[in-house]
Amino acid sequence: MLNKFVMTMAGLRLLSGTIEITAALIMLRLNQVDKALLVNSGLAVVGPLVLLTTTAVGLIGVADKLSFSRLLLIFAGVGLIFFGVLKK
């Protein structure tokens, strides 16, 4: 039997991939750079949101197996990823 947390994480990633492929098809259909950039800008929201949600679901799934200090390190790592990506 599959773990419900793994199923949720995989489902979120499949949803994210479907959104990405749909956006690519929309870009091809529009065939204009300015409109393709608008579609791409919308995807900039989806990626980090899926990363955070998937990570949160995974952490909830292993929270009872990890010590509090390890959970803090994981949260710090995710925070540093976002800091590095969003830093101007």
N, C-alpha and C. Protein backbone atom coordinates (compact mmCIF):
# COMPACT_ATOMS: atom_id res chain seq x y z
N MET A 1 0.84 -1.18 0.00
CA MET A 1 0.00 0.00 0.00
C MET A 1 0.88 1.24 0.00
N LEU A 2 0.53 2.21 -0.81
CA LEU A 2 1.32 3.42 -0.91
C LEU A 2 1.03 4.36 0.25
N ASN A 3 2.06 5.02 0.68
CA ASN A 3 1.96 6.00 1.76
C ASN A 3 1.16 7.20 1.29
N LYS A 4 0.23 7.69 2.11
CA LYS A 4 -0.63 8.81 1.70
C LYS A 4 0.17 10.10 1.51
N PHE A 5 1.26 10.27 2.26
CA PHE A 5 2.08 11.46 2.08
C PHE A 5 2.84 11.41 0.74
N VAL A 6 3.34 10.23 0.41
CA VAL A 6 4.04 10.06 -0.87
C VAL A 6 3.06 10.27 -2.02
N MET A 7 1.85 9.73 -1.89
CA MET A 7 0.84 9.92 -2.93
C MET A 7 0.51 11.40 -3.12
N THR A 8 0.39 12.13 -2.03
CA THR A 8 0.09 13.56 -2.11
C THR A 8 1.24 14.32 -2.76
N MET A 9 2.46 14.00 -2.35
CA MET A 9 3.63 14.68 -2.94
C MET A 9 3.73 14.39 -4.43
N ALA A 10 3.55 13.13 -4.81
CA ALA A 10 3.61 12.77 -6.23
C ALA A 10 2.48 13.44 -7.01
N GLY A 11 1.30 13.50 -6.41
CA GLY A 11 0.18 14.16 -7.07
C GLY A 11 0.43 15.63 -7.31
N LEU A 12 1.03 16.29 -6.33
CA LEU A 12 1.37 17.71 -6.49
C LEU A 12 2.38 17.90 -7.62
N ARG A 13 3.36 17.02 -7.68
CA ARG A 13 4.37 17.12 -8.75
C ARG A 13 3.76 16.84 -10.12
N LEU A 14 2.84 15.88 -10.18
CA LEU A 14 2.16 15.62 -11.45
C LEU A 14 1.31 16.81 -11.88
N LEU A 15 0.63 17.42 -10.91
CA LEU A 15 -0.15 18.62 -11.20
C LEU A 15 0.75 19.74 -11.71
N SER A 16 1.88 19.92 -11.04
CA SER A 16 2.83 20.95 -11.46
C SER A 16 3.34 20.70 -12.88
N GLY A 17 3.67 19.46 -13.16
CA GLY A 17 4.15 19.11 -14.51
C GLY A 17 3.08 19.34 -15.56
N THR A 18 1.85 19.01 -15.23
CA THR A 18 0.73 19.23 -16.15
C THR A 18 0.55 20.72 -16.44
N ILE A 19 0.67 21.52 -15.39
CA ILE A 19 0.56 22.98 -15.57
C ILE A 19 1.69 23.49 -16.46
N GLU A 20 2.91 22.98 -16.25
CA GLU A 20 4.06 23.40 -17.07
C GLU A 20 3.87 23.03 -18.54
N ILE A 21 3.43 21.81 -18.78
CA ILE A 21 3.22 21.36 -20.17
C ILE A 21 2.09 22.16 -20.82
N THR A 22 1.02 22.40 -20.08
CA THR A 22 -0.08 23.20 -20.60
C THR A 22 0.38 24.61 -20.95
N ALA A 23 1.20 25.19 -20.09
CA ALA A 23 1.73 26.53 -20.36
C ALA A 23 2.59 26.54 -21.62
N ALA A 24 3.40 25.50 -21.79
CA ALA A 24 4.23 25.42 -23.00
C ALA A 24 3.36 25.33 -24.25
N LEU A 25 2.31 24.54 -24.19
CA LEU A 25 1.40 24.44 -25.33
C LEU A 25 0.68 25.76 -25.61
N ILE A 26 0.33 26.46 -24.55
CA ILE A 26 -0.31 27.77 -24.72
C ILE A 26 0.67 28.74 -25.39
N MET A 27 1.93 28.71 -24.96
CA MET A 27 2.95 29.58 -25.58
C MET A 27 3.07 29.28 -27.06
N LEU A 28 3.10 28.00 -27.40
CA LEU A 28 3.20 27.64 -28.82
C LEU A 28 1.97 28.09 -29.59
N ARG A 29 0.83 27.96 -28.97
CA ARG A 29 -0.42 28.36 -29.63
C ARG A 29 -0.48 29.88 -29.85
N LEU A 30 -0.04 30.65 -28.85
CA LEU A 30 -0.06 32.10 -28.97
C LEU A 30 0.95 32.61 -30.00
N ASN A 31 2.12 31.98 -30.03
CA ASN A 31 3.15 32.28 -31.03
C ASN A 31 3.57 33.76 -31.04
N GLN A 32 3.57 34.38 -29.85
CA GLN A 32 4.02 35.76 -29.71
C GLN A 32 4.87 35.85 -28.45
N VAL A 33 6.02 36.50 -28.59
CA VAL A 33 6.97 36.55 -27.49
C VAL A 33 6.38 37.27 -26.28
N ASP A 34 5.72 38.39 -26.48
CA ASP A 34 5.18 39.14 -25.34
C ASP A 34 4.13 38.35 -24.57
N LYS A 35 3.28 37.64 -25.28
CA LYS A 35 2.27 36.82 -24.61
C LYS A 35 2.88 35.59 -23.95
N ALA A 36 3.89 35.03 -24.58
CA ALA A 36 4.59 33.88 -23.99
C ALA A 36 5.28 34.29 -22.69
N LEU A 37 5.81 35.52 -22.65
CA LEU A 37 6.43 36.01 -21.42
C LEU A 37 5.41 36.16 -20.30
N LEU A 38 4.20 36.57 -20.64
CA LEU A 38 3.14 36.67 -19.64
C LEU A 38 2.79 35.29 -19.06
N VAL A 39 2.68 34.30 -19.94
CA VAL A 39 2.41 32.94 -19.49
C VAL A 39 3.55 32.45 -18.61
N ASN A 40 4.77 32.71 -19.01
CA ASN A 40 5.94 32.30 -18.25
C ASN A 40 5.97 32.98 -16.87
N SER A 41 5.55 34.22 -16.82
CA SER A 41 5.50 34.93 -15.54
C SER A 41 4.54 34.27 -14.57
N GLY A 42 3.44 33.77 -15.09
CA GLY A 42 2.49 33.05 -14.25
C GLY A 42 3.09 31.78 -13.67
N LEU A 43 3.97 31.15 -14.43
CA LEU A 43 4.63 29.94 -13.95
C LEU A 43 5.61 30.23 -12.82
N ALA A 44 6.08 31.46 -12.73
CA ALA A 44 7.02 31.83 -11.67
C ALA A 44 6.38 31.70 -10.30
N VAL A 45 5.07 31.73 -10.24
CA VAL A 45 4.36 31.56 -8.98
C VAL A 45 4.17 30.08 -8.66
N VAL A 46 3.92 29.29 -9.68
CA VAL A 46 3.59 27.88 -9.50
C VAL A 46 4.77 27.09 -8.92
N GLY A 47 5.96 27.27 -9.47
CA GLY A 47 7.12 26.49 -9.05
C GLY A 47 7.41 26.58 -7.55
N PRO A 48 7.61 27.78 -7.02
CA PRO A 48 7.89 27.88 -5.58
C PRO A 48 6.73 27.41 -4.71
N LEU A 49 5.50 27.64 -5.16
CA LEU A 49 4.35 27.21 -4.39
C LEU A 49 4.31 25.68 -4.28
N VAL A 50 4.58 25.00 -5.39
CA VAL A 50 4.61 23.54 -5.37
C VAL A 50 5.77 23.04 -4.52
N LEU A 51 6.93 23.70 -4.60
CA LEU A 51 8.08 23.31 -3.78
C LEU A 51 7.74 23.40 -2.30
N LEU A 52 7.17 24.52 -1.89
CA LEU A 52 6.81 24.69 -0.48
C LEU A 52 5.76 23.68 -0.03
N THR A 53 4.74 23.49 -0.83
CA THR A 53 3.66 22.59 -0.46
C THR A 53 4.16 21.15 -0.38
N THR A 54 4.92 20.72 -1.38
CA THR A 54 5.45 19.36 -1.38
C THR A 54 6.39 19.13 -0.21
N THR A 55 7.24 20.11 0.08
CA THR A 55 8.15 20.00 1.22
C THR A 55 7.37 19.94 2.52
N ALA A 56 6.34 20.75 2.64
CA ALA A 56 5.53 20.76 3.86
C ALA A 56 4.85 19.40 4.07
N VAL A 57 4.29 18.84 3.00
CA VAL A 57 3.65 17.53 3.11
C VAL A 57 4.68 16.47 3.52
N GLY A 58 5.84 16.51 2.90
CA GLY A 58 6.90 15.55 3.26
C GLY A 58 7.34 15.70 4.71
N LEU A 59 7.47 16.92 5.17
CA LEU A 59 7.88 17.15 6.56
C LEU A 59 6.82 16.69 7.54
N ILE A 60 5.57 16.89 7.20
CA ILE A 60 4.50 16.39 8.06
C ILE A 60 4.57 14.87 8.14
N GLY A 61 4.89 14.25 7.00
CA GLY A 61 4.98 12.79 6.95
C GLY A 61 6.11 12.22 7.78
N VAL A 62 7.20 12.95 7.94
CA VAL A 62 8.36 12.44 8.69
C VAL A 62 8.55 13.15 10.03
N ALA A 63 7.64 14.03 10.38
CA ALA A 63 7.81 14.83 11.60
C ALA A 63 7.98 13.98 12.84
N ASP A 64 7.28 12.86 12.90
CA ASP A 64 7.39 12.01 14.09
C ASP A 64 8.70 11.22 14.12
N LYS A 65 9.42 11.18 13.02
CA LYS A 65 10.67 10.42 12.95
C LYS A 65 11.92 11.29 13.09
N LEU A 66 11.75 12.61 12.99
CA LEU A 66 12.89 13.52 13.05
C LEU A 66 12.88 14.30 14.36
N SER A 67 14.07 14.63 14.81
CA SER A 67 14.16 15.47 16.00
C SER A 67 13.82 16.91 15.63
N PHE A 68 13.51 17.69 16.64
CA PHE A 68 13.16 19.09 16.42
C PHE A 68 14.30 19.85 15.76
N SER A 69 15.54 19.58 16.16
CA SER A 69 16.69 20.29 15.60
C SER A 69 16.86 19.96 14.11
N ARG A 70 16.60 18.72 13.72
CA ARG A 70 16.69 18.37 12.30
C ARG A 70 15.60 19.05 11.48
N LEU A 71 14.39 19.13 12.06
CA LEU A 71 13.32 19.84 11.36
C LEU A 71 13.68 21.31 11.17
N LEU A 72 14.29 21.92 12.17
CA LEU A 72 14.74 23.31 12.04
C LEU A 72 15.78 23.45 10.94
N LEU A 73 16.70 22.51 10.85
CA LEU A 73 17.71 22.55 9.80
C LEU A 73 17.08 22.45 8.41
N ILE A 74 16.07 21.60 8.28
CA ILE A 74 15.38 21.46 7.00
C ILE A 74 14.67 22.76 6.63
N PHE A 75 13.96 23.34 7.60
CA PHE A 75 13.29 24.62 7.33
C PHE A 75 14.29 25.71 6.98
N ALA A 76 15.43 25.72 7.66
CA ALA A 76 16.47 26.70 7.35
C ALA A 76 17.00 26.50 5.93
N GLY A 77 17.16 25.25 5.54
CA GLY A 77 17.64 24.95 4.18
C GLY A 77 16.67 25.43 3.12
N VAL A 78 15.39 25.17 3.32
CA VAL A 78 14.37 25.63 2.37
C VAL A 78 14.35 27.16 2.35
N GLY A 79 14.47 27.77 3.52
CA GLY A 79 14.52 29.23 3.58
C GLY A 79 15.71 29.80 2.83
N LEU A 80 16.87 29.15 2.94
CA LEU A 80 18.06 29.60 2.21
C LEU A 80 17.89 29.44 0.70
N ILE A 81 17.20 28.39 0.28
CA ILE A 81 16.94 28.23 -1.15
C ILE A 81 16.14 29.42 -1.66
N PHE A 82 15.07 29.75 -0.94
CA PHE A 82 14.26 30.89 -1.37
C PHE A 82 15.01 32.21 -1.27
N PHE A 83 15.82 32.36 -0.24
CA PHE A 83 16.62 33.59 -0.11
C PHE A 83 17.57 33.72 -1.30
N GLY A 84 18.21 32.62 -1.69
CA GLY A 84 19.14 32.65 -2.82
C GLY A 84 18.45 32.92 -4.14
N VAL A 85 17.26 32.39 -4.29
CA VAL A 85 16.52 32.59 -5.56
C VAL A 85 15.96 34.00 -5.65
N LEU A 86 15.45 34.50 -4.54
CA LEU A 86 14.76 35.79 -4.57
C LEU A 86 15.69 36.98 -4.32
N LYS A 87 16.92 36.73 -3.91
CA LYS A 87 17.87 37.82 -3.64
C LYS A 87 18.20 38.54 -4.94
N LYS A 88 18.16 39.86 -4.89
CA LYS A 88 18.43 40.66 -6.10
C LYS A 88 19.85 41.10 -6.16
